[in-house]
Amino acid sequence: MQLPPETVYAQVLYQIGALAAIVHAQGGELRHVKPHGMLYNQAAKEPPLADAIARAVRDADADLVLVGLAGSELIRAGQHYQLTTRQEVFADRGYQADGSLVPRSQPGALIESEEQALAQTLEMVQHNRVRSLSGEWAHVKAETVCLHGDGAHALDFARRLRAAFAGRNIDVSADLE
């Protein structure tokens, strides 16, 4: 997907405004923004795209929390614009030595084993590191964990992960302050 940064800025700004209106109409409050899919992955590595997204979030509502891949260009851009950011790690994705996600088109991109995903998540949360496919440790700062909810056992895994956190005195909170 190749879009000019100003187009991305305009589209993200528009989408935040539209979503905020829908959330407000339902009695809620929009609290965070997380790009999805290819836009998320590109913004993790491409400074101009990351900058466009962070500017759109700031201009829409500087109190929104910007969620992005731990250590990514999107996090750096959000920090540049003095946004509150949350560095995200993935329970069920493979990592490369530089801390980026293994592309889904490559072997090792998805972790199928619940045990492996649990061990990886605990390592990231407790020790700020993840073992890459090459065997090297990559530094990650885990402030929020992405669990893909479309798997057959997603809810069971979420419960298991929550119990593992509780057993290790790791606080889990939806509070963004």
N, C-alpha and C. Protein backbone atom coordinates (compact mmCIF):
# COMPACT_ATOMS: atom_id res chain seq x y z
N MET A 1 0.85 -1.16 0.00
CA MET A 1 0.00 0.00 0.00
C MET A 1 0.90 1.23 0.00
N GLN A 2 0.83 2.00 -1.03
CA GLN A 2 1.64 3.21 -1.13
C GLN A 2 0.72 4.42 -1.20
N LEU A 3 0.63 5.12 -0.10
CA LEU A 3 -0.15 6.36 -0.05
C LEU A 3 0.75 7.48 0.42
N PRO A 4 0.59 8.67 -0.14
CA PRO A 4 1.38 9.80 0.34
C PRO A 4 1.05 10.09 1.80
N PRO A 5 2.04 10.51 2.59
CA PRO A 5 1.78 10.79 4.00
C PRO A 5 0.62 11.76 4.24
N GLU A 6 0.45 12.77 3.39
CA GLU A 6 -0.65 13.72 3.61
C GLU A 6 -2.01 13.07 3.38
N THR A 7 -2.07 12.09 2.50
CA THR A 7 -3.32 11.34 2.31
C THR A 7 -3.61 10.50 3.55
N VAL A 8 -2.57 9.86 4.07
CA VAL A 8 -2.73 9.06 5.29
C VAL A 8 -3.16 9.96 6.44
N TYR A 9 -2.53 11.13 6.56
CA TYR A 9 -2.91 12.09 7.61
C TYR A 9 -4.41 12.41 7.51
N ALA A 10 -4.86 12.78 6.33
CA ALA A 10 -6.26 13.18 6.14
C ALA A 10 -7.22 12.02 6.43
N GLN A 11 -6.87 10.82 5.97
CA GLN A 11 -7.75 9.68 6.18
C GLN A 11 -7.81 9.28 7.65
N VAL A 12 -6.67 9.29 8.33
CA VAL A 12 -6.66 8.94 9.75
C VAL A 12 -7.41 9.99 10.56
N LEU A 13 -7.20 11.25 10.25
CA LEU A 13 -7.91 12.32 10.95
C LEU A 13 -9.42 12.16 10.77
N TYR A 14 -9.85 11.91 9.55
CA TYR A 14 -11.27 11.71 9.26
C TYR A 14 -11.82 10.50 10.02
N GLN A 15 -11.09 9.39 9.98
CA GLN A 15 -11.56 8.17 10.63
C GLN A 15 -11.66 8.33 12.15
N ILE A 16 -10.69 9.02 12.75
CA ILE A 16 -10.76 9.27 14.19
C ILE A 16 -12.00 10.11 14.51
N GLY A 17 -12.24 11.14 13.72
CA GLY A 17 -13.41 11.99 13.95
C GLY A 17 -14.70 11.21 13.82
N ALA A 18 -14.81 10.40 12.79
CA ALA A 18 -16.03 9.61 12.59
C ALA A 18 -16.22 8.60 13.71
N LEU A 19 -15.16 7.91 14.07
CA LEU A 19 -15.27 6.91 15.14
C LEU A 19 -15.59 7.57 16.48
N ALA A 20 -14.96 8.70 16.77
CA ALA A 20 -15.24 9.40 18.02
C ALA A 20 -16.71 9.80 18.10
N ALA A 21 -17.29 10.22 16.98
CA ALA A 21 -18.71 10.60 16.96
C ALA A 21 -19.60 9.39 17.23
N ILE A 22 -19.27 8.26 16.64
CA ILE A 22 -20.06 7.04 16.86
C ILE A 22 -19.95 6.61 18.32
N VAL A 23 -18.73 6.61 18.85
CA VAL A 23 -18.53 6.21 20.25
C VAL A 23 -19.30 7.15 21.17
N HIS A 24 -19.22 8.45 20.92
CA HIS A 24 -19.94 9.44 21.73
C HIS A 24 -21.45 9.22 21.66
N ALA A 25 -21.96 8.94 20.47
CA ALA A 25 -23.40 8.72 20.30
C ALA A 25 -23.88 7.51 21.10
N GLN A 26 -22.98 6.58 21.36
CA GLN A 26 -23.32 5.38 22.13
C GLN A 26 -23.02 5.55 23.62
N GLY A 27 -22.61 6.76 24.01
CA GLY A 27 -22.36 7.04 25.42
C GLY A 27 -20.96 6.71 25.89
N GLY A 28 -20.06 6.48 24.96
CA GLY A 28 -18.69 6.12 25.33
C GLY A 28 -17.72 7.25 25.07
N GLU A 29 -16.46 6.93 25.27
CA GLU A 29 -15.38 7.89 25.05
C GLU A 29 -14.24 7.18 24.33
N LEU A 30 -13.80 7.72 23.22
CA LEU A 30 -12.66 7.17 22.51
C LEU A 30 -11.41 7.46 23.32
N ARG A 31 -10.61 6.42 23.60
CA ARG A 31 -9.45 6.59 24.47
C ARG A 31 -8.13 6.34 23.77
N HIS A 32 -8.13 5.49 22.75
CA HIS A 32 -6.86 5.19 22.09
C HIS A 32 -7.05 4.97 20.60
N VAL A 33 -5.94 5.05 19.88
CA VAL A 33 -5.92 4.82 18.44
C VAL A 33 -4.82 3.82 18.14
N LYS A 34 -5.16 2.82 17.35
CA LYS A 34 -4.18 1.83 16.90
C LYS A 34 -4.44 1.57 15.43
N PRO A 35 -3.48 1.93 14.57
CA PRO A 35 -3.64 1.58 13.15
C PRO A 35 -3.76 0.07 13.01
N HIS A 36 -4.35 -0.37 11.92
CA HIS A 36 -4.60 -1.79 11.72
C HIS A 36 -3.85 -2.33 10.52
N GLY A 37 -3.46 -3.58 10.60
CA GLY A 37 -2.94 -4.32 9.46
C GLY A 37 -1.72 -3.72 8.81
N MET A 38 -1.80 -3.58 7.50
CA MET A 38 -0.66 -3.10 6.73
C MET A 38 -0.24 -1.69 7.14
N LEU A 39 -1.20 -0.84 7.46
CA LEU A 39 -0.87 0.52 7.89
C LEU A 39 -0.06 0.47 9.18
N TYR A 40 -0.44 -0.39 10.11
CA TYR A 40 0.29 -0.57 11.37
C TYR A 40 1.73 -1.00 11.07
N ASN A 41 1.87 -2.01 10.21
CA ASN A 41 3.19 -2.55 9.90
C ASN A 41 4.07 -1.54 9.17
N GLN A 42 3.49 -0.81 8.23
CA GLN A 42 4.27 0.20 7.51
C GLN A 42 4.67 1.34 8.43
N ALA A 43 3.76 1.78 9.28
CA ALA A 43 4.06 2.89 10.19
C ALA A 43 5.13 2.50 11.21
N ALA A 44 5.26 1.22 11.47
CA ALA A 44 6.30 0.76 12.40
C ALA A 44 7.70 1.01 11.84
N LYS A 45 7.81 1.03 10.50
CA LYS A 45 9.13 1.12 9.87
C LYS A 45 9.37 2.38 9.06
N GLU A 46 8.30 3.09 8.68
CA GLU A 46 8.44 4.23 7.78
C GLU A 46 8.16 5.55 8.51
N PRO A 47 9.23 6.32 8.81
CA PRO A 47 9.04 7.57 9.56
C PRO A 47 8.02 8.54 8.96
N PRO A 48 7.97 8.78 7.64
CA PRO A 48 6.97 9.74 7.14
C PRO A 48 5.52 9.29 7.40
N LEU A 49 5.27 8.01 7.28
CA LEU A 49 3.93 7.48 7.54
C LEU A 49 3.61 7.55 9.04
N ALA A 50 4.58 7.18 9.86
CA ALA A 50 4.40 7.27 11.31
C ALA A 50 4.11 8.70 11.73
N ASP A 51 4.84 9.64 11.15
CA ASP A 51 4.64 11.06 11.46
C ASP A 51 3.23 11.50 11.09
N ALA A 52 2.76 11.09 9.92
CA ALA A 52 1.41 11.48 9.47
C ALA A 52 0.34 10.96 10.43
N ILE A 53 0.49 9.74 10.89
CA ILE A 53 -0.49 9.16 11.81
C ILE A 53 -0.44 9.87 13.15
N ALA A 54 0.75 10.08 13.68
CA ALA A 54 0.88 10.75 14.98
C ALA A 54 0.33 12.18 14.92
N ARG A 55 0.59 12.89 13.83
CA ARG A 55 0.04 14.25 13.67
C ARG A 55 -1.48 14.22 13.64
N ALA A 56 -2.03 13.23 12.93
CA ALA A 56 -3.49 13.13 12.85
C ALA A 56 -4.10 12.87 14.23
N VAL A 57 -3.47 12.00 15.00
CA VAL A 57 -3.96 11.73 16.35
C VAL A 57 -3.87 13.00 17.19
N ARG A 58 -2.73 13.67 17.15
CA ARG A 58 -2.57 14.91 17.92
C ARG A 58 -3.61 15.95 17.52
N ASP A 59 -3.81 16.11 16.22
CA ASP A 59 -4.74 17.14 15.75
C ASP A 59 -6.20 16.78 16.03
N ALA A 60 -6.50 15.50 16.07
CA ALA A 60 -7.87 15.06 16.39
C ALA A 60 -8.16 15.24 17.87
N ASP A 61 -7.22 14.77 18.70
CA ASP A 61 -7.41 14.84 20.15
C ASP A 61 -6.09 14.43 20.80
N ALA A 62 -5.36 15.40 21.29
CA ALA A 62 -4.03 15.15 21.86
C ALA A 62 -4.09 14.30 23.13
N ASP A 63 -5.28 14.06 23.66
CA ASP A 63 -5.42 13.21 24.84
C ASP A 63 -5.57 11.73 24.49
N LEU A 64 -5.72 11.42 23.21
CA LEU A 64 -5.81 10.02 22.80
C LEU A 64 -4.46 9.34 22.99
N VAL A 65 -4.51 8.07 23.33
CA VAL A 65 -3.30 7.26 23.48
C VAL A 65 -3.02 6.61 22.12
N LEU A 66 -1.78 6.70 21.67
CA LEU A 66 -1.37 6.09 20.41
C LEU A 66 -0.69 4.77 20.70
N VAL A 67 -1.23 3.68 20.16
CA VAL A 67 -0.69 2.34 20.35
C VAL A 67 0.09 1.94 19.10
N GLY A 68 1.30 1.43 19.31
CA GLY A 68 2.12 0.99 18.19
C GLY A 68 3.09 -0.10 18.62
N LEU A 69 3.70 -0.72 17.64
CA LEU A 69 4.67 -1.79 17.90
C LEU A 69 5.80 -1.26 18.77
N ALA A 70 6.15 -2.01 19.78
CA ALA A 70 7.22 -1.61 20.71
C ALA A 70 8.49 -1.24 19.93
N GLY A 71 9.04 -0.08 20.27
CA GLY A 71 10.29 0.37 19.67
C GLY A 71 10.18 0.87 18.24
N SER A 72 8.98 1.07 17.76
CA SER A 72 8.76 1.38 16.34
C SER A 72 8.85 2.87 16.05
N GLU A 73 8.87 3.17 14.76
CA GLU A 73 8.83 4.56 14.30
C GLU A 73 7.53 5.23 14.73
N LEU A 74 6.44 4.47 14.80
CA LEU A 74 5.17 5.06 15.23
C LEU A 74 5.24 5.52 16.68
N ILE A 75 5.86 4.74 17.53
CA ILE A 75 6.04 5.14 18.93
C ILE A 75 6.92 6.39 18.99
N ARG A 76 8.01 6.40 18.24
CA ARG A 76 8.89 7.57 18.23
C ARG A 76 8.15 8.82 17.75
N ALA A 77 7.33 8.67 16.72
CA ALA A 77 6.57 9.82 16.21
C ALA A 77 5.57 10.31 17.25
N GLY A 78 4.90 9.39 17.90
CA GLY A 78 3.96 9.79 18.95
C GLY A 78 4.65 10.53 20.08
N GLN A 79 5.81 10.06 20.46
CA GLN A 79 6.57 10.73 21.52
C GLN A 79 7.03 12.11 21.05
N HIS A 80 7.41 12.22 19.78
CA HIS A 80 7.82 13.51 19.22
C HIS A 80 6.70 14.54 19.36
N TYR A 81 5.47 14.11 19.14
CA TYR A 81 4.31 15.01 19.24
C TYR A 81 3.73 15.05 20.66
N GLN A 82 4.47 14.51 21.60
CA GLN A 82 4.11 14.53 23.02
C GLN A 82 2.78 13.85 23.31
N LEU A 83 2.48 12.82 22.54
CA LEU A 83 1.31 12.00 22.80
C LEU A 83 1.66 10.95 23.85
N THR A 84 0.66 10.51 24.57
CA THR A 84 0.84 9.32 25.41
C THR A 84 0.86 8.13 24.46
N THR A 85 1.87 7.29 24.60
CA THR A 85 1.98 6.12 23.73
C THR A 85 1.96 4.86 24.59
N ARG A 86 1.59 3.77 23.96
CA ARG A 86 1.67 2.45 24.57
C ARG A 86 2.38 1.54 23.58
N GLN A 87 3.48 0.95 24.06
CA GLN A 87 4.26 0.06 23.22
C GLN A 87 3.68 -1.35 23.30
N GLU A 88 3.35 -1.87 22.14
CA GLU A 88 2.60 -3.12 22.05
C GLU A 88 3.50 -4.28 21.64
N VAL A 89 3.25 -5.43 22.27
CA VAL A 89 3.89 -6.68 21.88
C VAL A 89 2.79 -7.66 21.49
N PHE A 90 3.18 -8.69 20.75
CA PHE A 90 2.23 -9.66 20.23
C PHE A 90 2.49 -11.03 20.83
N ALA A 91 1.45 -11.60 21.42
CA ALA A 91 1.58 -12.91 22.05
C ALA A 91 1.84 -14.01 21.02
N ASP A 92 1.22 -13.90 19.87
CA ASP A 92 1.21 -15.01 18.92
C ASP A 92 1.92 -14.73 17.60
N ARG A 93 2.88 -13.82 17.64
CA ARG A 93 3.63 -13.49 16.42
C ARG A 93 5.12 -13.73 16.65
N GLY A 94 5.79 -14.15 15.59
CA GLY A 94 7.23 -14.30 15.63
C GLY A 94 7.91 -12.96 15.44
N TYR A 95 9.10 -12.84 16.00
CA TYR A 95 9.87 -11.59 15.93
C TYR A 95 11.18 -11.80 15.20
N GLN A 96 11.65 -10.73 14.58
CA GLN A 96 12.96 -10.71 13.95
C GLN A 96 13.97 -10.12 14.94
N ALA A 97 15.26 -10.25 14.63
CA ALA A 97 16.31 -9.82 15.56
C ALA A 97 16.26 -8.33 15.87
N ASP A 98 15.68 -7.53 14.97
CA ASP A 98 15.59 -6.08 15.20
C ASP A 98 14.34 -5.68 16.00
N GLY A 99 13.57 -6.67 16.45
CA GLY A 99 12.36 -6.38 17.23
C GLY A 99 11.12 -6.19 16.39
N SER A 100 11.25 -6.29 15.08
CA SER A 100 10.07 -6.18 14.21
C SER A 100 9.40 -7.54 14.07
N LEU A 101 8.16 -7.52 13.62
CA LEU A 101 7.41 -8.76 13.43
C LEU A 101 7.87 -9.49 12.18
N VAL A 102 7.87 -10.81 12.24
CA VAL A 102 8.14 -11.60 11.04
C VAL A 102 6.95 -11.41 10.11
N PRO A 103 7.19 -11.04 8.84
CA PRO A 103 6.08 -10.87 7.91
C PRO A 103 5.23 -12.14 7.82
N ARG A 104 3.93 -11.96 7.72
CA ARG A 104 3.01 -13.10 7.69
C ARG A 104 3.28 -14.05 6.51
N SER A 105 3.95 -13.57 5.49
CA SER A 105 4.24 -14.40 4.33
C SER A 105 5.41 -15.35 4.57
N GLN A 106 6.08 -15.22 5.71
CA GLN A 106 7.26 -16.03 5.99
C GLN A 106 6.97 -17.07 7.07
N PRO A 107 7.68 -18.20 7.00
CA PRO A 107 7.54 -19.21 8.06
C PRO A 107 7.92 -18.61 9.42
N GLY A 108 7.21 -19.01 10.45
CA GLY A 108 7.50 -18.51 11.79
C GLY A 108 6.79 -17.23 12.15
N ALA A 109 5.95 -16.73 11.24
CA ALA A 109 5.24 -15.47 11.50
C ALA A 109 4.20 -15.64 12.60
N LEU A 110 3.54 -16.77 12.61
CA LEU A 110 2.48 -17.03 13.59
C LEU A 110 2.91 -18.13 14.55
N ILE A 111 2.63 -17.92 15.81
CA ILE A 111 2.90 -18.93 16.83
C ILE A 111 1.61 -19.69 17.07
N GLU A 112 1.62 -20.96 16.74
CA GLU A 112 0.42 -21.80 16.87
C GLU A 112 0.31 -22.42 18.25
N SER A 113 1.44 -22.67 18.90
CA SER A 113 1.46 -23.32 20.19
C SER A 113 1.08 -22.35 21.30
N GLU A 114 0.04 -22.70 22.04
CA GLU A 114 -0.39 -21.85 23.15
C GLU A 114 0.71 -21.75 24.21
N GLU A 115 1.42 -22.85 24.44
CA GLU A 115 2.51 -22.86 25.43
C GLU A 115 3.62 -21.90 25.01
N GLN A 116 3.98 -21.94 23.74
CA GLN A 116 5.03 -21.05 23.24
C GLN A 116 4.59 -19.59 23.31
N ALA A 117 3.35 -19.32 22.96
CA ALA A 117 2.83 -17.95 23.02
C ALA A 117 2.81 -17.44 24.46
N LEU A 118 2.42 -18.30 25.38
CA LEU A 118 2.39 -17.92 26.79
C LEU A 118 3.80 -17.62 27.29
N ALA A 119 4.75 -18.51 26.99
CA ALA A 119 6.13 -18.31 27.43
C ALA A 119 6.71 -17.03 26.82
N GLN A 120 6.45 -16.80 25.54
CA GLN A 120 6.97 -15.60 24.87
C GLN A 120 6.39 -14.34 25.51
N THR A 121 5.10 -14.35 25.78
CA THR A 121 4.46 -13.17 26.36
C THR A 121 5.01 -12.87 27.75
N LEU A 122 5.17 -13.89 28.55
CA LEU A 122 5.72 -13.69 29.89
C LEU A 122 7.15 -13.16 29.82
N GLU A 123 7.94 -13.66 28.90
CA GLU A 123 9.32 -13.17 28.73
C GLU A 123 9.32 -11.69 28.35
N MET A 124 8.43 -11.32 27.43
CA MET A 124 8.38 -9.92 27.00
C MET A 124 7.93 -9.00 28.14
N VAL A 125 6.91 -9.42 28.87
CA VAL A 125 6.36 -8.58 29.93
C VAL A 125 7.31 -8.50 31.12
N GLN A 126 7.90 -9.63 31.49
CA GLN A 126 8.74 -9.65 32.69
C GLN A 126 10.17 -9.18 32.44
N HIS A 127 10.70 -9.44 31.24
CA HIS A 127 12.12 -9.19 31.00
C HIS A 127 12.41 -8.25 29.83
N ASN A 128 11.36 -7.71 29.21
CA ASN A 128 11.52 -6.76 28.10
C ASN A 128 12.39 -7.30 26.98
N ARG A 129 12.20 -8.56 26.66
CA ARG A 129 12.95 -9.15 25.56
C ARG A 129 12.14 -10.28 24.93
N VAL A 130 12.49 -10.58 23.68
CA VAL A 130 11.83 -11.66 22.96
C VAL A 130 12.89 -12.39 22.14
N ARG A 131 12.79 -13.71 22.09
CA ARG A 131 13.73 -14.48 21.29
C ARG A 131 13.27 -14.44 19.84
N SER A 132 14.17 -13.97 18.98
CA SER A 132 13.85 -13.86 17.55
C SER A 132 13.96 -15.23 16.88
N LEU A 133 13.50 -15.30 15.65
CA LEU A 133 13.59 -16.55 14.90
C LEU A 133 15.03 -16.99 14.71
N SER A 134 15.95 -16.03 14.68
CA SER A 134 17.37 -16.36 14.50
C SER A 134 18.02 -16.81 15.81
N GLY A 135 17.27 -16.74 16.91
CA GLY A 135 17.78 -17.16 18.21
C GLY A 135 18.33 -16.03 19.05
N GLU A 136 18.45 -14.84 18.46
CA GLU A 136 18.96 -13.69 19.21
C GLU A 136 17.84 -13.08 20.04
N TRP A 137 18.23 -12.42 21.14
CA TRP A 137 17.27 -11.68 21.94
C TRP A 137 17.09 -10.30 21.34
N ALA A 138 15.86 -9.87 21.24
CA ALA A 138 15.53 -8.51 20.81
C ALA A 138 14.89 -7.79 21.99
N HIS A 139 15.26 -6.54 22.20
CA HIS A 139 14.67 -5.75 23.28
C HIS A 139 13.29 -5.27 22.86
N VAL A 140 12.32 -5.44 23.74
CA VAL A 140 10.97 -4.90 23.54
C VAL A 140 10.49 -4.35 24.87
N LYS A 141 9.70 -3.31 24.81
CA LYS A 141 9.07 -2.77 26.01
C LYS A 141 7.58 -3.09 25.91
N ALA A 142 7.13 -3.96 26.78
CA ALA A 142 5.75 -4.44 26.72
C ALA A 142 4.86 -3.62 27.64
N GLU A 143 4.11 -2.70 27.05
CA GLU A 143 3.14 -1.91 27.82
C GLU A 143 1.71 -2.37 27.57
N THR A 144 1.51 -3.06 26.47
CA THR A 144 0.21 -3.64 26.15
C THR A 144 0.46 -4.87 25.28
N VAL A 145 -0.41 -5.86 25.39
CA VAL A 145 -0.23 -7.12 24.67
C VAL A 145 -1.40 -7.31 23.72
N CYS A 146 -1.09 -7.60 22.47
CA CYS A 146 -2.12 -7.89 21.48
C CYS A 146 -2.41 -9.39 21.47
N LEU A 147 -3.66 -9.72 21.66
CA LEU A 147 -4.14 -11.09 21.52
C LEU A 147 -5.10 -11.10 20.34
N HIS A 148 -4.84 -11.91 19.36
CA HIS A 148 -5.75 -11.97 18.22
C HIS A 148 -6.99 -12.77 18.62
N GLY A 149 -8.13 -12.13 18.54
CA GLY A 149 -9.38 -12.72 19.00
C GLY A 149 -10.08 -13.60 18.00
N ASP A 150 -9.48 -13.81 16.83
CA ASP A 150 -10.17 -14.60 15.81
C ASP A 150 -9.77 -16.08 15.83
N GLY A 151 -8.91 -16.47 16.75
CA GLY A 151 -8.52 -17.87 16.86
C GLY A 151 -9.58 -18.67 17.61
N ALA A 152 -9.57 -19.97 17.39
CA ALA A 152 -10.57 -20.84 17.99
C ALA A 152 -10.50 -20.85 19.52
N HIS A 153 -9.31 -20.63 20.06
CA HIS A 153 -9.14 -20.71 21.51
C HIS A 153 -8.71 -19.38 22.12
N ALA A 154 -9.05 -18.29 21.48
CA ALA A 154 -8.58 -16.97 21.91
C ALA A 154 -9.03 -16.62 23.32
N LEU A 155 -10.29 -16.86 23.64
CA LEU A 155 -10.79 -16.51 24.97
C LEU A 155 -10.13 -17.37 26.04
N ASP A 156 -9.97 -18.65 25.77
CA ASP A 156 -9.29 -19.52 26.72
C ASP A 156 -7.85 -19.07 26.94
N PHE A 157 -7.17 -18.69 25.86
CA PHE A 157 -5.79 -18.22 25.99
C PHE A 157 -5.74 -16.93 26.79
N ALA A 158 -6.66 -16.02 26.55
CA ALA A 158 -6.69 -14.76 27.30
C ALA A 158 -6.88 -15.03 28.79
N ARG A 159 -7.75 -15.96 29.12
CA ARG A 159 -7.96 -16.31 30.54
C ARG A 159 -6.69 -16.93 31.14
N ARG A 160 -6.06 -17.78 30.36
CA ARG A 160 -4.84 -18.43 30.83
C ARG A 160 -3.71 -17.41 31.03
N LEU A 161 -3.60 -16.49 30.11
CA LEU A 161 -2.58 -15.44 30.22
C LEU A 161 -2.86 -14.56 31.44
N ARG A 162 -4.11 -14.21 31.63
CA ARG A 162 -4.48 -13.38 32.79
C ARG A 162 -4.13 -14.09 34.10
N ALA A 163 -4.40 -15.39 34.15
CA ALA A 163 -4.06 -16.18 35.35
C ALA A 163 -2.55 -16.25 35.55
N ALA A 164 -1.81 -16.40 34.46
CA ALA A 164 -0.34 -16.43 34.56
C ALA A 164 0.19 -15.10 35.07
N PHE A 165 -0.39 -14.00 34.61
CA PHE A 165 0.01 -12.68 35.10
C PHE A 165 -0.29 -12.57 36.60
N ALA A 166 -1.49 -12.95 36.99
CA ALA A 166 -1.88 -12.86 38.40
C ALA A 166 -0.96 -13.69 39.28
N GLY A 167 -0.59 -14.87 38.80
CA GLY A 167 0.30 -15.75 39.56
C GLY A 167 1.70 -15.19 39.71
N ARG A 168 2.05 -14.22 38.90
CA ARG A 168 3.38 -13.59 38.96
C ARG A 168 3.29 -12.15 39.46
N ASN A 169 2.14 -11.78 39.99
CA ASN A 169 1.91 -10.42 40.50
C ASN A 169 2.14 -9.34 39.44
N ILE A 170 1.75 -9.64 38.22
CA ILE A 170 1.82 -8.67 37.13
C ILE A 170 0.46 -8.01 37.02
N ASP A 171 0.41 -6.71 37.22
CA ASP A 171 -0.85 -5.97 37.16
C ASP A 171 -1.36 -5.89 35.73
N VAL A 172 -2.65 -6.10 35.59
CA VAL A 172 -3.33 -5.93 34.31
C VAL A 172 -4.38 -4.85 34.51
N SER A 173 -4.35 -3.85 33.64
CA SER A 173 -5.25 -2.72 33.81
C SER A 173 -5.66 -2.17 32.46
N ALA A 174 -6.88 -1.69 32.40
CA ALA A 174 -7.34 -0.99 31.20
C ALA A 174 -7.18 0.51 31.38
N ASP A 175 -6.69 0.93 32.54
CA ASP A 175 -6.50 2.35 32.81
C ASP A 175 -5.36 2.88 31.95
N LEU A 176 -5.62 3.94 31.23
CA LEU A 176 -4.63 4.50 30.32
C LEU A 176 -3.90 5.69 30.90
N GLU A 177 -4.18 6.04 32.11
CA GLU A 177 -3.52 7.21 32.72
C GLU A 177 -2.17 6.85 33.26
